[in-house]
Amino acid sequence: RRNIHQKKRKYEMGRPAALCKLGAKRVRPVRCRGGNMKYRALRVDAGNFSWGSENCAKKVRLLDVVYNATSNEL
């Protein structure tokens, strides 16, 4: 019979949301499982966006963010 663990484990850990803003690029490295690194964007003014109906993807500069009631962290 296997024991059921009750305490919190490192691999179950979550982190707070980055809440990315518009502005000059600011990226922080975050250490992950196995010593790997993820890069968390704190401020960004450009991104790679795909346009499904036109079948193309381009790197574009962000000018403004439209209000969206479901995602209110911007």
N, C-alpha and C. Protein backbone atom coordinates (compact mmCIF):
# COMPACT_ATOMS: atom_id res chain seq x y z
N ARG A 1 0.84 -1.18 0.00
CA ARG A 1 0.00 0.00 0.00
C ARG A 1 0.89 1.25 0.00
N ARG A 2 0.62 2.21 -0.91
CA ARG A 2 1.43 3.43 -1.00
C ARG A 2 0.89 4.50 -0.06
N ASN A 3 1.83 5.24 0.54
CA ASN A 3 1.43 6.35 1.40
C ASN A 3 0.99 7.53 0.54
N ILE A 4 0.00 8.26 1.00
CA ILE A 4 -0.48 9.47 0.32
C ILE A 4 0.20 10.67 0.98
N HIS A 5 0.93 11.46 0.16
CA HIS A 5 1.63 12.60 0.77
C HIS A 5 0.65 13.73 1.04
N GLN A 6 0.88 14.44 2.13
CA GLN A 6 0.00 15.53 2.54
C GLN A 6 0.68 16.89 2.44
N LYS A 7 1.99 16.93 2.61
CA LYS A 7 2.64 18.24 2.62
C LYS A 7 2.95 18.72 1.21
N LYS A 8 3.26 20.01 1.12
CA LYS A 8 3.53 20.63 -0.18
C LYS A 8 4.88 20.18 -0.70
N ARG A 9 4.96 19.94 -2.00
CA ARG A 9 6.20 19.52 -2.63
C ARG A 9 6.70 20.60 -3.56
N LYS A 10 8.02 20.63 -3.78
CA LYS A 10 8.65 21.64 -4.62
C LYS A 10 8.08 21.63 -6.04
N TYR A 11 7.81 20.45 -6.60
CA TYR A 11 7.33 20.37 -7.98
C TYR A 11 5.88 20.81 -8.13
N GLU A 12 5.16 21.00 -7.01
CA GLU A 12 3.78 21.49 -7.07
C GLU A 12 3.71 23.02 -6.92
N MET A 13 4.87 23.66 -6.77
CA MET A 13 4.92 25.09 -6.49
C MET A 13 4.40 25.92 -7.67
N GLY A 14 3.65 26.94 -7.37
CA GLY A 14 3.23 27.90 -8.37
C GLY A 14 3.91 29.23 -8.11
N ARG A 15 3.89 30.13 -9.07
CA ARG A 15 4.49 31.45 -8.89
C ARG A 15 3.46 32.51 -9.21
N PRO A 16 3.63 33.72 -8.66
CA PRO A 16 2.68 34.79 -8.96
C PRO A 16 2.76 35.20 -10.43
N ALA A 17 1.65 35.72 -10.93
CA ALA A 17 1.58 36.15 -12.33
C ALA A 17 2.56 37.28 -12.60
N ALA A 18 3.08 37.35 -13.84
CA ALA A 18 4.09 38.35 -14.19
C ALA A 18 3.48 39.74 -14.37
N LEU A 19 2.22 39.82 -14.78
CA LEU A 19 1.53 41.10 -15.02
C LEU A 19 2.34 41.99 -15.95
N CYS A 20 2.61 41.51 -17.13
CA CYS A 20 3.45 42.18 -18.12
C CYS A 20 2.84 43.52 -18.53
N LYS A 21 3.68 44.53 -18.63
CA LYS A 21 3.25 45.89 -19.02
C LYS A 21 3.90 46.28 -20.35
N LEU A 22 3.40 47.36 -20.93
CA LEU A 22 4.02 47.92 -22.13
C LEU A 22 5.20 48.79 -21.72
N GLY A 23 6.28 48.71 -22.46
CA GLY A 23 7.44 49.54 -22.18
C GLY A 23 8.70 48.90 -22.71
N ALA A 24 9.83 49.50 -22.38
CA ALA A 24 11.12 48.97 -22.83
C ALA A 24 11.29 47.55 -22.28
N LYS A 25 11.93 46.70 -23.08
CA LYS A 25 12.04 45.28 -22.76
C LYS A 25 12.75 45.05 -21.42
N ARG A 26 12.08 44.33 -20.50
CA ARG A 26 12.66 43.95 -19.22
C ARG A 26 12.29 42.49 -18.97
N VAL A 27 13.28 41.61 -19.01
CA VAL A 27 13.07 40.17 -18.88
C VAL A 27 13.93 39.65 -17.74
N ARG A 28 13.36 38.82 -16.86
CA ARG A 28 14.08 38.24 -15.74
C ARG A 28 14.15 36.73 -15.89
N PRO A 29 15.33 36.13 -15.64
CA PRO A 29 15.41 34.66 -15.66
C PRO A 29 14.82 34.07 -14.38
N VAL A 30 14.16 32.94 -14.50
CA VAL A 30 13.57 32.23 -13.37
C VAL A 30 14.09 30.80 -13.40
N ARG A 31 14.62 30.33 -12.28
CA ARG A 31 15.13 28.96 -12.23
C ARG A 31 13.98 27.98 -12.13
N CYS A 32 14.05 26.90 -12.92
CA CYS A 32 13.00 25.90 -12.98
C CYS A 32 13.54 24.54 -12.58
N ARG A 33 12.69 23.55 -12.65
CA ARG A 33 13.05 22.18 -12.29
C ARG A 33 14.19 21.68 -13.15
N GLY A 34 15.18 21.06 -12.53
CA GLY A 34 16.33 20.53 -13.24
C GLY A 34 17.39 21.58 -13.50
N GLY A 35 17.27 22.77 -12.89
CA GLY A 35 18.26 23.82 -13.10
C GLY A 35 18.08 24.57 -14.40
N ASN A 36 17.00 24.30 -15.14
CA ASN A 36 16.72 25.00 -16.39
C ASN A 36 16.23 26.41 -16.10
N MET A 37 16.26 27.26 -17.12
CA MET A 37 15.82 28.64 -16.95
C MET A 37 14.63 28.94 -17.85
N LYS A 38 13.66 29.66 -17.29
CA LYS A 38 12.59 30.25 -18.08
C LYS A 38 12.79 31.75 -17.99
N TYR A 39 12.31 32.47 -18.97
CA TYR A 39 12.51 33.92 -18.99
C TYR A 39 11.16 34.60 -18.88
N ARG A 40 10.99 35.38 -17.81
CA ARG A 40 9.72 36.01 -17.52
C ARG A 40 9.75 37.45 -18.00
N ALA A 41 8.84 37.81 -18.89
CA ALA A 41 8.76 39.18 -19.42
C ALA A 41 7.99 40.05 -18.44
N LEU A 42 8.63 41.09 -17.93
CA LEU A 42 7.99 42.04 -17.03
C LEU A 42 7.49 43.26 -17.79
N ARG A 43 8.27 43.69 -18.78
CA ARG A 43 7.86 44.76 -19.70
C ARG A 43 8.26 44.37 -21.11
N VAL A 44 7.38 44.66 -22.05
CA VAL A 44 7.62 44.29 -23.44
C VAL A 44 7.00 45.35 -24.34
N ASP A 45 7.65 45.69 -25.44
CA ASP A 45 7.04 46.61 -26.39
C ASP A 45 6.92 46.01 -27.78
N ALA A 46 7.31 44.73 -27.95
CA ALA A 46 7.19 44.06 -29.24
C ALA A 46 6.87 42.59 -29.00
N GLY A 47 6.36 41.92 -30.03
CA GLY A 47 6.04 40.51 -29.89
C GLY A 47 5.83 39.86 -31.24
N ASN A 48 5.82 38.55 -31.25
CA ASN A 48 5.60 37.77 -32.46
C ASN A 48 4.14 37.34 -32.47
N PHE A 49 3.36 37.83 -33.42
CA PHE A 49 1.92 37.55 -33.48
C PHE A 49 1.56 36.86 -34.78
N SER A 50 0.64 35.91 -34.68
CA SER A 50 0.19 35.19 -35.88
C SER A 50 -1.21 35.64 -36.25
N TRP A 51 -1.45 35.71 -37.54
CA TRP A 51 -2.73 36.11 -38.11
C TRP A 51 -3.24 34.89 -38.86
N GLY A 52 -4.13 34.13 -38.19
CA GLY A 52 -4.56 32.83 -38.68
C GLY A 52 -5.22 32.86 -40.04
N SER A 53 -6.12 33.82 -40.26
CA SER A 53 -6.87 33.85 -41.53
C SER A 53 -5.97 34.20 -42.71
N GLU A 54 -4.89 34.97 -42.46
CA GLU A 54 -3.97 35.35 -43.53
C GLU A 54 -2.77 34.41 -43.62
N ASN A 55 -2.68 33.45 -42.69
CA ASN A 55 -1.62 32.45 -42.69
C ASN A 55 -0.23 33.09 -42.66
N CYS A 56 -0.03 34.05 -41.74
CA CYS A 56 1.28 34.68 -41.62
C CYS A 56 1.54 35.05 -40.16
N ALA A 57 2.81 35.16 -39.81
CA ALA A 57 3.23 35.59 -38.48
C ALA A 57 4.32 36.64 -38.65
N LYS A 58 4.24 37.71 -37.86
CA LYS A 58 5.21 38.79 -37.98
C LYS A 58 5.58 39.31 -36.59
N LYS A 59 6.80 39.84 -36.48
CA LYS A 59 7.21 40.53 -35.26
C LYS A 59 6.77 41.98 -35.38
N VAL A 60 5.94 42.41 -34.43
CA VAL A 60 5.38 43.76 -34.51
C VAL A 60 5.60 44.49 -33.19
N ARG A 61 5.52 45.82 -33.26
CA ARG A 61 5.64 46.67 -32.08
C ARG A 61 4.25 46.94 -31.54
N LEU A 62 4.08 46.85 -30.22
CA LEU A 62 2.79 47.10 -29.59
C LEU A 62 2.64 48.59 -29.32
N LEU A 63 1.54 49.17 -29.77
CA LEU A 63 1.27 50.58 -29.55
C LEU A 63 0.33 50.81 -28.37
N ASP A 64 -0.72 49.97 -28.27
CA ASP A 64 -1.72 50.17 -27.23
C ASP A 64 -2.39 48.83 -26.94
N VAL A 65 -3.01 48.72 -25.78
CA VAL A 65 -3.72 47.51 -25.39
C VAL A 65 -5.19 47.85 -25.26
N VAL A 66 -6.03 47.04 -25.88
CA VAL A 66 -7.48 47.24 -25.84
C VAL A 66 -8.02 46.62 -24.56
N TYR A 67 -8.95 47.28 -23.91
CA TYR A 67 -9.55 46.76 -22.68
C TYR A 67 -10.28 45.46 -22.94
N ASN A 68 -10.03 44.47 -22.08
CA ASN A 68 -10.71 43.19 -22.17
C ASN A 68 -11.16 42.81 -20.76
N ALA A 69 -12.47 42.68 -20.55
CA ALA A 69 -13.02 42.47 -19.21
C ALA A 69 -12.54 41.15 -18.60
N THR A 70 -12.23 40.15 -19.42
CA THR A 70 -11.82 38.85 -18.88
C THR A 70 -10.37 38.86 -18.43
N SER A 71 -9.55 39.72 -18.99
CA SER A 71 -8.14 39.77 -18.63
C SER A 71 -7.80 41.20 -18.20
N ASN A 72 -7.96 41.46 -16.93
CA ASN A 72 -7.93 42.85 -16.46
C ASN A 72 -6.61 43.25 -15.82
N GLU A 73 -5.52 42.46 -15.99
CA GLU A 73 -4.29 42.79 -15.29
C GLU A 73 -3.46 43.85 -15.99
N LEU A 74 -3.79 44.26 -17.21
CA LEU A 74 -3.03 45.30 -17.89
C LEU A 74 -3.56 46.67 -17.47
